Every structure is written in structure tokens, then in C-alpha cells.
């Protein structure tokens, strides 16, 4: 068993929505690491952040991702901040699994996440926070990505089909 594809990107890029469709196309399972974290911890992401802080959340997240890279067979969508943890970046690089960066302009991300109330890092000011996160995380995402797919002006099904074709053909183009 091995992960077929890992999806990364900022909140609102379409990782979970696209991931579900991609998994269906590839006839494999889908998992979102935030859901896996909640299952393991028995609490929501918001509760973990609120009660234990971001550092503890990232520790749990890194452990969940490491386990998934080893034991899960399917499409795996990582939380937007997962690659801020060095051990996660290292596990991902060592896995050899295709990593797909999903991108969209900040204005599009803001429209998709709405008020950000369910996302601890965006709750106070989603537009400003997404712009900050984009500036901080884009270089890290780009280094980790096998290839990048722009999601703006594409439906999740179109993005999934594009990713499936690229992963299936093993052709990696800019």
C-alpha cells in the first residue's frame, strides 16, 4: 500500500474537493489529514489549536502524515500548514510520491474560505492572513511540488482530471 498522490496548497486551493474527485478517478481511497488528525485526537482541529496551541497541532499532524505516507493507499490532502514542519517535508521528499501543488490567487482563496471561522489560522482576518500565508508558504510548496496546477477557472472535476492525466502518464511539465 502506498499513497498515490499528495495534494498541497493554501486553504481554499481545492485540496479536499479535488482530492475526493481525483480518488474516484483513480479508484482509490481519499483522506484529508485534518480528518485523520481529528480521528486520532478525538477533538476538532479548532479544539486542538485552542487548547494545546499550534505547536502541538503540528506535532500530531507530522505523526499522522508520516503514518499515512507509510500505510494509506490513495489520495492524501495535506493541511495548508503541514509543510511548515521540517519532518513532514523530509518524509514527503523521501516517499517519492507525486506531490501536486494546487494554486489560486488570494482573492479566489478568500472567496472560497468565506469568513474562515472553521479555520483557526484564518478566523480573524481571512484576506490579510491568506496573503501572509501565501507569501510565507509558496516557496516551501514550490520546492516540495512535483508539479503545480492552477485551480482558478477550473472546476474541481477538471482539476482532478488534469492531475490524474499527469500522474498517470508520469509526465511532469511546468
Protein backbone atom coordinates (compact mmCIF):
# COMPACT_ATOMS: atom_id res chain seq x y z
CA UNK A 1 0.00 0.00 0.00
CA UNK A 2 1.18 3.46 -0.79
CA UNK A 3 -0.20 6.91 -1.25
CA UNK A 4 -0.81 7.55 -4.95
CA UNK A 5 -0.79 11.36 -4.88
CA UNK A 6 -0.37 14.06 -2.23
CA UNK A 7 -2.14 17.39 -2.65
CA UNK A 8 -0.72 20.54 -1.06
CA UNK A 9 -1.64 24.22 -1.12
CA UNK A 10 -3.17 27.08 0.78
CA UNK A 11 -6.59 26.91 2.41
CA UNK A 12 -9.21 27.23 -0.30
CA UNK A 13 -6.98 25.92 -3.10
CA UNK A 14 -9.28 22.91 -3.50
CA UNK A 15 -7.24 20.10 -1.95
CA UNK A 16 -10.14 18.26 -0.30
CA UNK A 17 -12.73 18.83 -3.01
CA UNK A 18 -10.33 17.96 -5.82
CA UNK A 19 -8.88 15.09 -3.81
CA UNK A 20 -12.25 13.37 -3.47
CA UNK A 21 -12.82 13.60 -7.22
CA UNK A 22 -9.27 12.51 -8.01
CA UNK A 23 -9.57 9.47 -5.75
CA UNK A 24 -12.75 8.49 -7.55
CA UNK A 25 -11.00 8.80 -10.93
CA UNK A 26 -8.05 6.72 -9.73
CA UNK A 27 -10.37 4.22 -7.98
CA UNK A 28 -8.59 4.64 -4.64
CA UNK A 29 -9.48 5.99 -1.21
CA UNK A 30 -9.27 9.65 -0.20
CA UNK A 31 -8.06 11.09 3.10
CA UNK A 32 -7.69 14.63 4.38
CA UNK A 33 -5.06 14.90 7.10
CA UNK A 34 -7.23 17.25 9.16
CA UNK A 35 -9.87 14.49 9.33
CA UNK A 36 -7.21 11.92 10.25
CA UNK A 37 -5.92 14.23 13.00
CA UNK A 38 -9.42 14.69 14.41
CA UNK A 39 -9.98 10.91 14.40
CA UNK A 40 -6.70 10.27 16.19
CA UNK A 41 -7.05 13.09 18.72
CA UNK A 42 -10.77 12.74 19.35
CA UNK A 43 -11.07 16.52 19.03
CA UNK A 44 -11.52 19.03 16.24
CA UNK A 45 -8.62 20.91 14.71
CA UNK A 46 -10.06 24.08 16.22
CA UNK A 47 -10.13 22.48 19.70
CA UNK A 48 -6.55 21.27 19.40
CA UNK A 49 -5.38 24.73 18.35
CA UNK A 50 -7.42 26.38 21.13
CA UNK A 51 -6.46 24.02 23.93
CA UNK A 52 -2.92 22.97 23.03
CA UNK A 53 -1.67 25.54 20.53
CA UNK A 54 -0.28 25.33 17.03
CA UNK A 55 2.97 23.59 18.02
CA UNK A 56 1.12 20.59 19.47
CA UNK A 57 -1.20 20.50 16.46
CA UNK A 58 1.82 20.43 14.12
CA UNK A 59 3.39 17.60 16.16
CA UNK A 60 0.24 15.50 15.84
CA UNK A 61 -0.07 16.43 12.17
CA UNK A 62 3.51 15.35 11.39
CA UNK A 63 2.92 11.99 13.06
CA UNK A 64 -0.37 11.46 11.20
CA UNK A 65 1.22 12.34 7.85
CA UNK A 66 4.19 10.05 8.46
CA UNK A 67 1.79 7.18 9.23
CA UNK A 68 -0.37 7.95 6.20
CA UNK A 69 2.61 8.07 3.84
CA UNK A 70 3.54 4.61 5.06
CA UNK A 71 0.13 2.94 5.49
CA UNK A 72 -2.55 4.71 3.42
CA UNK A 73 -3.37 3.71 -0.14
CA UNK A 74 -4.97 6.57 -2.06
CA UNK A 75 -5.07 10.33 -2.49
CA UNK A 76 -3.90 12.32 0.53
CA UNK A 77 -4.72 16.02 1.00
CA UNK A 78 -2.43 17.79 3.47
CA UNK A 79 -3.49 20.72 5.61
CA UNK A 80 -2.25 24.06 4.33
CA UNK A 81 0.40 24.41 7.03
CA UNK A 82 1.67 20.84 7.04
CA UNK A 83 4.85 21.70 5.17
CA UNK A 84 5.87 24.24 7.79
CA UNK A 85 7.16 21.24 9.77
CA UNK A 86 10.62 20.06 8.66
CA UNK A 87 9.96 16.40 9.45
CA UNK A 88 6.86 16.46 7.23
CA UNK A 89 8.83 17.97 4.36
CA UNK A 90 11.52 15.32 4.84
CA UNK A 91 9.00 12.45 5.00
CA UNK A 92 7.30 13.69 1.87
CA UNK A 93 10.57 14.07 -0.06
CA UNK A 94 11.77 10.62 1.00
CA UNK A 95 8.48 8.99 -0.02
CA UNK A 96 8.92 9.59 -3.76
CA UNK A 97 5.16 10.09 -4.05
CA UNK A 98 3.98 12.70 -6.58
CA UNK A 99 3.18 15.97 -4.79
CA UNK A 100 0.74 18.27 -6.55
CA UNK A 101 0.57 21.94 -5.57
CA UNK A 102 -2.88 23.41 -6.14
CA UNK A 103 -2.83 27.20 -6.50
CA UNK A 104 -5.25 30.09 -6.92
CA UNK A 105 -4.96 33.86 -6.45
CA UNK A 106 -5.55 35.10 -2.90
CA UNK A 107 -8.84 36.78 -3.91
CA UNK A 108 -10.14 33.41 -5.11
CA UNK A 109 -8.98 31.68 -1.93
CA UNK A 110 -10.76 34.32 0.16
CA UNK A 111 -13.99 33.78 -1.77
CA UNK A 112 -13.71 30.04 -1.22
CA UNK A 113 -12.97 30.07 2.53
CA UNK A 114 -15.57 32.70 3.38
CA UNK A 115 -15.31 34.08 6.90
CA UNK A 116 -12.69 31.49 7.85
CA UNK A 117 -14.48 30.68 11.10
CA UNK A 118 -13.75 26.95 10.82
CA UNK A 119 -10.05 27.56 10.13
CA UNK A 120 -8.09 28.62 13.23
CA UNK A 121 -5.34 30.47 11.36
CA UNK A 122 -7.83 32.49 9.28
CA UNK A 123 -10.57 33.28 11.78
CA UNK A 124 -9.66 36.91 12.48
CA UNK A 125 -8.99 38.38 9.02
CA UNK A 126 -9.07 35.84 6.17
CA UNK A 127 -7.90 38.20 3.37
CA UNK A 128 -4.90 39.52 5.29
CA UNK A 129 -3.98 36.14 6.73
CA UNK A 130 -4.20 34.35 3.37
CA UNK A 131 -1.94 36.98 1.81
CA UNK A 132 0.58 36.47 4.63
CA UNK A 133 0.39 32.70 4.38
CA UNK A 134 0.83 32.84 0.60
CA UNK A 135 4.00 34.91 0.96
CA UNK A 136 5.39 32.59 3.66
CA UNK A 137 4.42 29.21 2.25
CA UNK A 138 4.61 29.50 -1.55
CA UNK A 139 8.41 28.96 -1.70
CA UNK A 140 8.13 25.89 0.55
CA UNK A 141 5.25 24.49 -1.51
CA UNK A 142 7.11 25.02 -4.78
CA UNK A 143 10.21 23.21 -3.52
CA UNK A 144 8.11 20.22 -2.45
CA UNK A 145 5.89 20.03 -5.53
CA UNK A 146 6.37 17.56 -8.35
CA UNK A 147 4.10 19.84 -10.40
CA UNK A 148 1.66 22.71 -9.94
CA UNK A 149 -1.94 23.08 -11.10
CA UNK A 150 -3.79 26.40 -11.15
CA UNK A 151 -7.35 25.83 -9.90
CA UNK A 152 -8.87 29.19 -10.73
CA UNK A 153 -11.31 28.99 -13.67
CA UNK A 154 -11.37 25.19 -13.44
CA UNK A 155 -13.96 23.05 -11.73
CA UNK A 156 -12.74 20.54 -9.17
CA UNK A 157 -13.56 17.77 -11.66
CA UNK A 158 -11.42 19.46 -14.32
CA UNK A 159 -8.53 19.84 -11.88
CA UNK A 160 -8.86 16.20 -10.82
CA UNK A 161 -8.87 15.02 -14.44
CA UNK A 162 -5.79 17.13 -15.19
CA UNK A 163 -3.92 15.76 -12.17
CA UNK A 164 -4.95 12.17 -12.95
CA UNK A 165 -3.70 12.51 -16.53
CA UNK A 166 -0.35 13.93 -15.42
CA UNK A 167 0.17 11.38 -12.67
CA UNK A 168 -0.93 8.50 -14.88
CA UNK A 169 1.35 9.47 -17.75
CA UNK A 170 4.27 10.17 -15.39
CA UNK A 171 4.89 13.28 -17.47
CA UNK A 172 5.85 16.25 -15.33
CA UNK A 173 5.58 19.56 -17.14
CA UNK A 174 5.64 23.11 -15.75
